[in-house]
Amino acid sequence: MPDLEAEDQKLVTLARSSRARVGAEEGAAVRDTDGRTYTAVTVDQPSFKLTAVQAAVAAALSSGAEGLEAAAVVTGDALVQEASVHAVRDVAKTAPIILADPNGDVVEVLR
């Protein structure tokens, strides 16, 4: 995989840290069009479930973000969940979605 720009690598680091801090299945981070970042982890409750990306997008939107520049998800899974892709694409059709493994190594970048 090509090297990420510094701001995109920061998203991977934030997602990885969030995941590790909580011991969650996934950690995610998104950057809005104003450069602010939002992090979240997987939410798995009896009444609702969110991927980490869905939760991070929700945090950004509920804070007034008008768009997204990029998203990153750190997980042991080999692919980004479809619900996560849809959450980003609902807000930003062309924002890259970076998939990284638990070590922070980039596996794939969806464009």
N, C-alpha and C. Protein backbone atom coordinates (compact mmCIF):
# COMPACT_ATOMS: atom_id res chain seq x y z
N MET A 1 0.85 -1.19 0.00
CA MET A 1 0.00 0.00 0.00
C MET A 1 0.89 1.24 0.00
N PRO A 2 0.44 2.29 -0.67
CA PRO A 2 1.20 3.54 -0.66
C PRO A 2 1.14 4.17 0.73
N ASP A 3 2.15 4.98 1.01
CA ASP A 3 2.17 5.70 2.28
C ASP A 3 1.02 6.69 2.33
N LEU A 4 0.46 6.85 3.53
CA LEU A 4 -0.62 7.82 3.72
C LEU A 4 -0.05 9.19 4.00
N GLU A 5 -0.82 10.22 3.65
CA GLU A 5 -0.46 11.57 4.05
C GLU A 5 -0.57 11.65 5.58
N ALA A 6 0.10 12.61 6.16
CA ALA A 6 0.17 12.72 7.63
C ALA A 6 -1.22 12.81 8.27
N GLU A 7 -2.13 13.56 7.68
CA GLU A 7 -3.46 13.71 8.27
C GLU A 7 -4.26 12.41 8.21
N ASP A 8 -4.05 11.61 7.17
CA ASP A 8 -4.73 10.33 7.07
C ASP A 8 -4.11 9.31 8.03
N GLN A 9 -2.79 9.36 8.19
CA GLN A 9 -2.12 8.48 9.15
C GLN A 9 -2.60 8.81 10.57
N LYS A 10 -2.84 10.08 10.83
CA LYS A 10 -3.37 10.49 12.14
C LYS A 10 -4.72 9.82 12.41
N LEU A 11 -5.57 9.72 11.39
CA LEU A 11 -6.86 9.06 11.56
C LEU A 11 -6.67 7.60 11.95
N VAL A 12 -5.73 6.91 11.31
CA VAL A 12 -5.46 5.51 11.64
C VAL A 12 -4.98 5.41 13.08
N THR A 13 -4.10 6.30 13.50
CA THR A 13 -3.59 6.29 14.87
C THR A 13 -4.71 6.52 15.88
N LEU A 14 -5.58 7.49 15.60
CA LEU A 14 -6.70 7.77 16.50
C LEU A 14 -7.67 6.58 16.58
N ALA A 15 -7.96 5.97 15.43
CA ALA A 15 -8.87 4.82 15.41
C ALA A 15 -8.26 3.64 16.18
N ARG A 16 -7.00 3.45 15.98
CA ARG A 16 -6.30 2.35 16.67
C ARG A 16 -6.29 2.59 18.19
N SER A 17 -6.04 3.80 18.59
CA SER A 17 -6.02 4.14 20.02
C SER A 17 -7.39 3.96 20.65
N SER A 18 -8.43 4.39 19.96
CA SER A 18 -9.79 4.24 20.49
C SER A 18 -10.14 2.77 20.67
N ARG A 19 -9.81 1.98 19.69
CA ARG A 19 -10.09 0.54 19.74
C ARG A 19 -9.36 -0.10 20.92
N ALA A 20 -8.09 0.21 21.08
CA ALA A 20 -7.29 -0.38 22.16
C ALA A 20 -7.76 0.08 23.54
N ARG A 21 -8.10 1.34 23.66
CA ARG A 21 -8.51 1.90 24.96
C ARG A 21 -9.75 1.19 25.50
N VAL A 22 -10.68 0.88 24.61
CA VAL A 22 -11.95 0.29 25.02
C VAL A 22 -11.93 -1.23 24.89
N GLY A 23 -11.00 -1.76 24.12
CA GLY A 23 -10.97 -3.20 23.86
C GLY A 23 -12.08 -3.61 22.91
N ALA A 24 -12.42 -2.71 21.99
CA ALA A 24 -13.53 -2.94 21.06
C ALA A 24 -13.09 -3.73 19.83
N GLU A 25 -14.08 -4.25 19.15
CA GLU A 25 -13.86 -4.99 17.91
C GLU A 25 -13.28 -4.09 16.82
N GLU A 26 -13.81 -2.87 16.74
CA GLU A 26 -13.36 -1.90 15.74
C GLU A 26 -13.15 -0.54 16.40
N GLY A 27 -12.24 0.23 15.84
CA GLY A 27 -12.10 1.63 16.18
C GLY A 27 -12.13 2.42 14.89
N ALA A 28 -12.69 3.62 14.93
CA ALA A 28 -12.77 4.43 13.71
C ALA A 28 -12.50 5.89 14.04
N ALA A 29 -12.11 6.62 13.02
CA ALA A 29 -11.94 8.06 13.12
C ALA A 29 -12.33 8.67 11.79
N VAL A 30 -12.96 9.83 11.84
CA VAL A 30 -13.30 10.56 10.63
C VAL A 30 -12.81 12.00 10.79
N ARG A 31 -12.52 12.62 9.65
CA ARG A 31 -12.12 14.03 9.62
C ARG A 31 -13.15 14.78 8.81
N ASP A 32 -13.68 15.87 9.40
CA ASP A 32 -14.69 16.64 8.67
C ASP A 32 -14.02 17.67 7.77
N THR A 33 -14.82 18.38 7.02
CA THR A 33 -14.29 19.34 6.04
C THR A 33 -13.67 20.57 6.68
N ASP A 34 -13.85 20.72 8.00
CA ASP A 34 -13.18 21.79 8.73
C ASP A 34 -11.89 21.32 9.40
N GLY A 35 -11.55 20.01 9.21
CA GLY A 35 -10.33 19.46 9.78
C GLY A 35 -10.48 18.89 11.18
N ARG A 36 -11.69 18.91 11.72
CA ARG A 36 -11.91 18.33 13.06
C ARG A 36 -12.02 16.82 12.93
N THR A 37 -11.56 16.11 13.97
CA THR A 37 -11.63 14.65 13.97
C THR A 37 -12.58 14.16 15.05
N TYR A 38 -13.17 13.01 14.76
CA TYR A 38 -14.11 12.37 15.67
C TYR A 38 -13.76 10.89 15.70
N THR A 39 -13.76 10.30 16.89
CA THR A 39 -13.45 8.88 17.01
C THR A 39 -14.60 8.14 17.67
N ALA A 40 -14.65 6.85 17.44
CA ALA A 40 -15.68 6.02 18.05
C ALA A 40 -15.25 4.55 17.95
N VAL A 41 -15.95 3.72 18.67
CA VAL A 41 -15.74 2.28 18.61
C VAL A 41 -17.07 1.60 18.34
N THR A 42 -17.01 0.31 18.08
CA THR A 42 -18.21 -0.48 17.85
C THR A 42 -19.16 -0.36 19.04
N VAL A 43 -20.44 -0.20 18.76
CA VAL A 43 -21.47 -0.17 19.80
C VAL A 43 -22.35 -1.40 19.58
N ASP A 44 -22.43 -2.24 20.61
CA ASP A 44 -23.22 -3.47 20.50
C ASP A 44 -24.10 -3.61 21.74
N GLN A 45 -25.26 -3.01 21.64
CA GLN A 45 -26.23 -3.03 22.74
C GLN A 45 -27.44 -3.86 22.32
N PRO A 46 -28.22 -4.33 23.29
CA PRO A 46 -29.40 -5.11 22.92
C PRO A 46 -30.37 -4.35 22.02
N SER A 47 -30.50 -3.05 22.22
CA SER A 47 -31.49 -2.29 21.46
C SER A 47 -30.94 -1.67 20.16
N PHE A 48 -29.62 -1.59 20.02
CA PHE A 48 -29.06 -1.06 18.77
C PHE A 48 -27.60 -1.44 18.63
N LYS A 49 -27.14 -1.48 17.37
CA LYS A 49 -25.77 -1.81 17.05
C LYS A 49 -25.26 -0.80 16.02
N LEU A 50 -24.03 -0.36 16.21
CA LEU A 50 -23.39 0.55 15.26
C LEU A 50 -21.98 0.06 14.99
N THR A 51 -21.56 0.14 13.73
CA THR A 51 -20.15 -0.07 13.47
C THR A 51 -19.41 1.14 14.03
N ALA A 52 -18.12 1.00 14.19
CA ALA A 52 -17.33 2.13 14.69
C ALA A 52 -17.42 3.32 13.74
N VAL A 53 -17.43 3.04 12.44
CA VAL A 53 -17.52 4.13 11.46
C VAL A 53 -18.87 4.83 11.56
N GLN A 54 -19.96 4.05 11.67
CA GLN A 54 -21.28 4.67 11.83
C GLN A 54 -21.30 5.58 13.06
N ALA A 55 -20.73 5.12 14.16
CA ALA A 55 -20.71 5.91 15.39
C ALA A 55 -19.87 7.18 15.22
N ALA A 56 -18.74 7.08 14.53
CA ALA A 56 -17.89 8.26 14.30
C ALA A 56 -18.58 9.26 13.38
N VAL A 57 -19.24 8.77 12.34
CA VAL A 57 -19.97 9.65 11.43
C VAL A 57 -21.11 10.33 12.19
N ALA A 58 -21.82 9.58 13.02
CA ALA A 58 -22.89 10.16 13.82
C ALA A 58 -22.36 11.25 14.76
N ALA A 59 -21.20 11.01 15.37
CA ALA A 59 -20.60 12.02 16.25
C ALA A 59 -20.26 13.29 15.47
N ALA A 60 -19.72 13.11 14.27
CA ALA A 60 -19.37 14.27 13.44
C ALA A 60 -20.62 15.05 13.06
N LEU A 61 -21.63 14.35 12.57
CA LEU A 61 -22.86 15.03 12.14
C LEU A 61 -23.57 15.70 13.31
N SER A 62 -23.59 15.04 14.47
CA SER A 62 -24.27 15.63 15.61
C SER A 62 -23.50 16.82 16.20
N SER A 63 -22.25 16.97 15.76
CA SER A 63 -21.45 18.13 16.18
C SER A 63 -21.47 19.25 15.14
N GLY A 64 -22.25 19.05 14.08
CA GLY A 64 -22.41 20.10 13.08
C GLY A 64 -21.56 19.96 11.84
N ALA A 65 -20.85 18.85 11.67
CA ALA A 65 -20.04 18.67 10.47
C ALA A 65 -20.93 18.70 9.23
N GLU A 66 -20.46 19.38 8.21
CA GLU A 66 -21.23 19.48 6.97
C GLU A 66 -20.73 18.52 5.89
N GLY A 67 -19.60 17.89 6.13
CA GLY A 67 -19.05 16.94 5.18
C GLY A 67 -17.87 16.22 5.79
N LEU A 68 -17.37 15.21 5.10
CA LEU A 68 -16.21 14.45 5.56
C LEU A 68 -15.13 14.47 4.50
N GLU A 69 -13.88 14.53 4.96
CA GLU A 69 -12.74 14.45 4.06
C GLU A 69 -12.21 13.03 3.96
N ALA A 70 -12.24 12.28 5.09
CA ALA A 70 -11.68 10.93 5.11
C ALA A 70 -12.18 10.19 6.33
N ALA A 71 -12.07 8.86 6.25
CA ALA A 71 -12.44 7.99 7.38
C ALA A 71 -11.40 6.88 7.47
N ALA A 72 -11.20 6.37 8.68
CA ALA A 72 -10.32 5.23 8.88
C ALA A 72 -10.98 4.27 9.85
N VAL A 73 -10.79 2.99 9.62
CA VAL A 73 -11.29 1.96 10.52
C VAL A 73 -10.16 0.97 10.78
N VAL A 74 -9.99 0.64 12.05
CA VAL A 74 -9.00 -0.36 12.45
C VAL A 74 -9.76 -1.56 12.99
N THR A 75 -9.51 -2.71 12.38
CA THR A 75 -10.23 -3.92 12.74
C THR A 75 -9.40 -5.13 12.36
N GLY A 76 -9.74 -6.26 12.96
CA GLY A 76 -9.11 -7.51 12.59
C GLY A 76 -9.76 -8.14 11.38
N ASP A 77 -10.90 -7.59 10.96
CA ASP A 77 -11.59 -8.10 9.78
C ASP A 77 -10.83 -7.73 8.51
N ALA A 78 -11.05 -8.50 7.48
CA ALA A 78 -10.33 -8.29 6.23
C ALA A 78 -10.99 -7.26 5.32
N LEU A 79 -12.18 -6.76 5.71
CA LEU A 79 -12.85 -5.77 4.86
C LEU A 79 -13.68 -4.82 5.70
N VAL A 80 -14.01 -3.70 5.08
CA VAL A 80 -14.84 -2.69 5.72
C VAL A 80 -16.29 -3.13 5.60
N GLN A 81 -17.03 -3.10 6.70
CA GLN A 81 -18.43 -3.51 6.65
C GLN A 81 -19.22 -2.60 5.72
N GLU A 82 -20.18 -3.19 5.03
CA GLU A 82 -21.00 -2.44 4.08
C GLU A 82 -21.71 -1.27 4.75
N ALA A 83 -22.20 -1.47 5.96
CA ALA A 83 -22.88 -0.39 6.68
C ALA A 83 -21.94 0.79 6.93
N SER A 84 -20.67 0.51 7.15
CA SER A 84 -19.68 1.58 7.36
C SER A 84 -19.46 2.37 6.09
N VAL A 85 -19.35 1.67 4.97
CA VAL A 85 -19.16 2.34 3.68
C VAL A 85 -20.36 3.24 3.39
N HIS A 86 -21.57 2.73 3.62
CA HIS A 86 -22.77 3.52 3.36
C HIS A 86 -22.82 4.76 4.24
N ALA A 87 -22.41 4.64 5.50
CA ALA A 87 -22.43 5.79 6.42
C ALA A 87 -21.55 6.92 5.90
N VAL A 88 -20.36 6.57 5.40
CA VAL A 88 -19.46 7.59 4.85
C VAL A 88 -20.01 8.13 3.54
N ARG A 89 -20.45 7.26 2.66
CA ARG A 89 -20.93 7.68 1.33
C ARG A 89 -22.20 8.52 1.40
N ASP A 90 -23.00 8.35 2.44
CA ASP A 90 -24.18 9.21 2.62
C ASP A 90 -23.79 10.66 2.80
N VAL A 91 -22.60 10.88 3.34
CA VAL A 91 -22.13 12.24 3.66
C VAL A 91 -21.12 12.74 2.65
N ALA A 92 -20.27 11.85 2.15
CA ALA A 92 -19.19 12.25 1.25
C ALA A 92 -18.96 11.14 0.22
N LYS A 93 -19.37 11.38 -0.98
CA LYS A 93 -19.32 10.35 -2.03
C LYS A 93 -17.91 9.89 -2.38
N THR A 94 -16.91 10.77 -2.23
CA THR A 94 -15.57 10.42 -2.68
C THR A 94 -14.52 10.38 -1.58
N ALA A 95 -14.92 10.51 -0.32
CA ALA A 95 -13.95 10.49 0.78
C ALA A 95 -13.30 9.11 0.86
N PRO A 96 -11.98 9.06 0.98
CA PRO A 96 -11.33 7.76 1.12
C PRO A 96 -11.69 7.12 2.46
N ILE A 97 -11.84 5.80 2.43
CA ILE A 97 -12.06 5.02 3.65
C ILE A 97 -10.86 4.10 3.79
N ILE A 98 -10.09 4.32 4.82
CA ILE A 98 -8.84 3.60 5.04
C ILE A 98 -9.11 2.43 5.98
N LEU A 99 -8.75 1.23 5.54
CA LEU A 99 -8.86 0.04 6.37
C LEU A 99 -7.47 -0.33 6.85
N ALA A 100 -7.32 -0.45 8.16
CA ALA A 100 -6.03 -0.84 8.73
C ALA A 100 -6.22 -2.00 9.69
N ASP A 101 -5.17 -2.79 9.84
CA ASP A 101 -5.23 -3.91 10.77
C ASP A 101 -4.91 -3.41 12.19
N PRO A 102 -5.04 -4.27 13.20
CA PRO A 102 -4.80 -3.82 14.58
C PRO A 102 -3.42 -3.23 14.84
N ASN A 103 -2.44 -3.54 13.99
CA ASN A 103 -1.10 -2.96 14.13
C ASN A 103 -1.00 -1.58 13.51
N GLY A 104 -2.06 -1.16 12.82
CA GLY A 104 -2.06 0.13 12.15
C GLY A 104 -1.56 0.07 10.73
N ASP A 105 -1.30 -1.13 10.23
CA ASP A 105 -0.83 -1.28 8.84
C ASP A 105 -2.02 -1.18 7.90
N VAL A 106 -1.90 -0.33 6.88
CA VAL A 106 -3.00 -0.12 5.94
C VAL A 106 -3.16 -1.36 5.06
N VAL A 107 -4.39 -1.86 5.01
CA VAL A 107 -4.73 -3.03 4.21
C VAL A 107 -5.31 -2.61 2.88
N GLU A 108 -6.15 -1.55 2.92
CA GLU A 108 -6.86 -1.12 1.71
C GLU A 108 -7.33 0.32 1.89
N VAL A 109 -7.45 1.03 0.78
CA VAL A 109 -8.06 2.35 0.78
C VAL A 109 -9.19 2.33 -0.25
N LEU A 110 -10.42 2.49 0.23
CA LEU A 110 -11.57 2.54 -0.67
C LEU A 110 -11.79 3.97 -1.12
N ARG A 111 -11.95 4.15 -2.40
CA ARG A 111 -12.16 5.50 -2.93
C ARG A 111 -13.49 5.59 -3.61
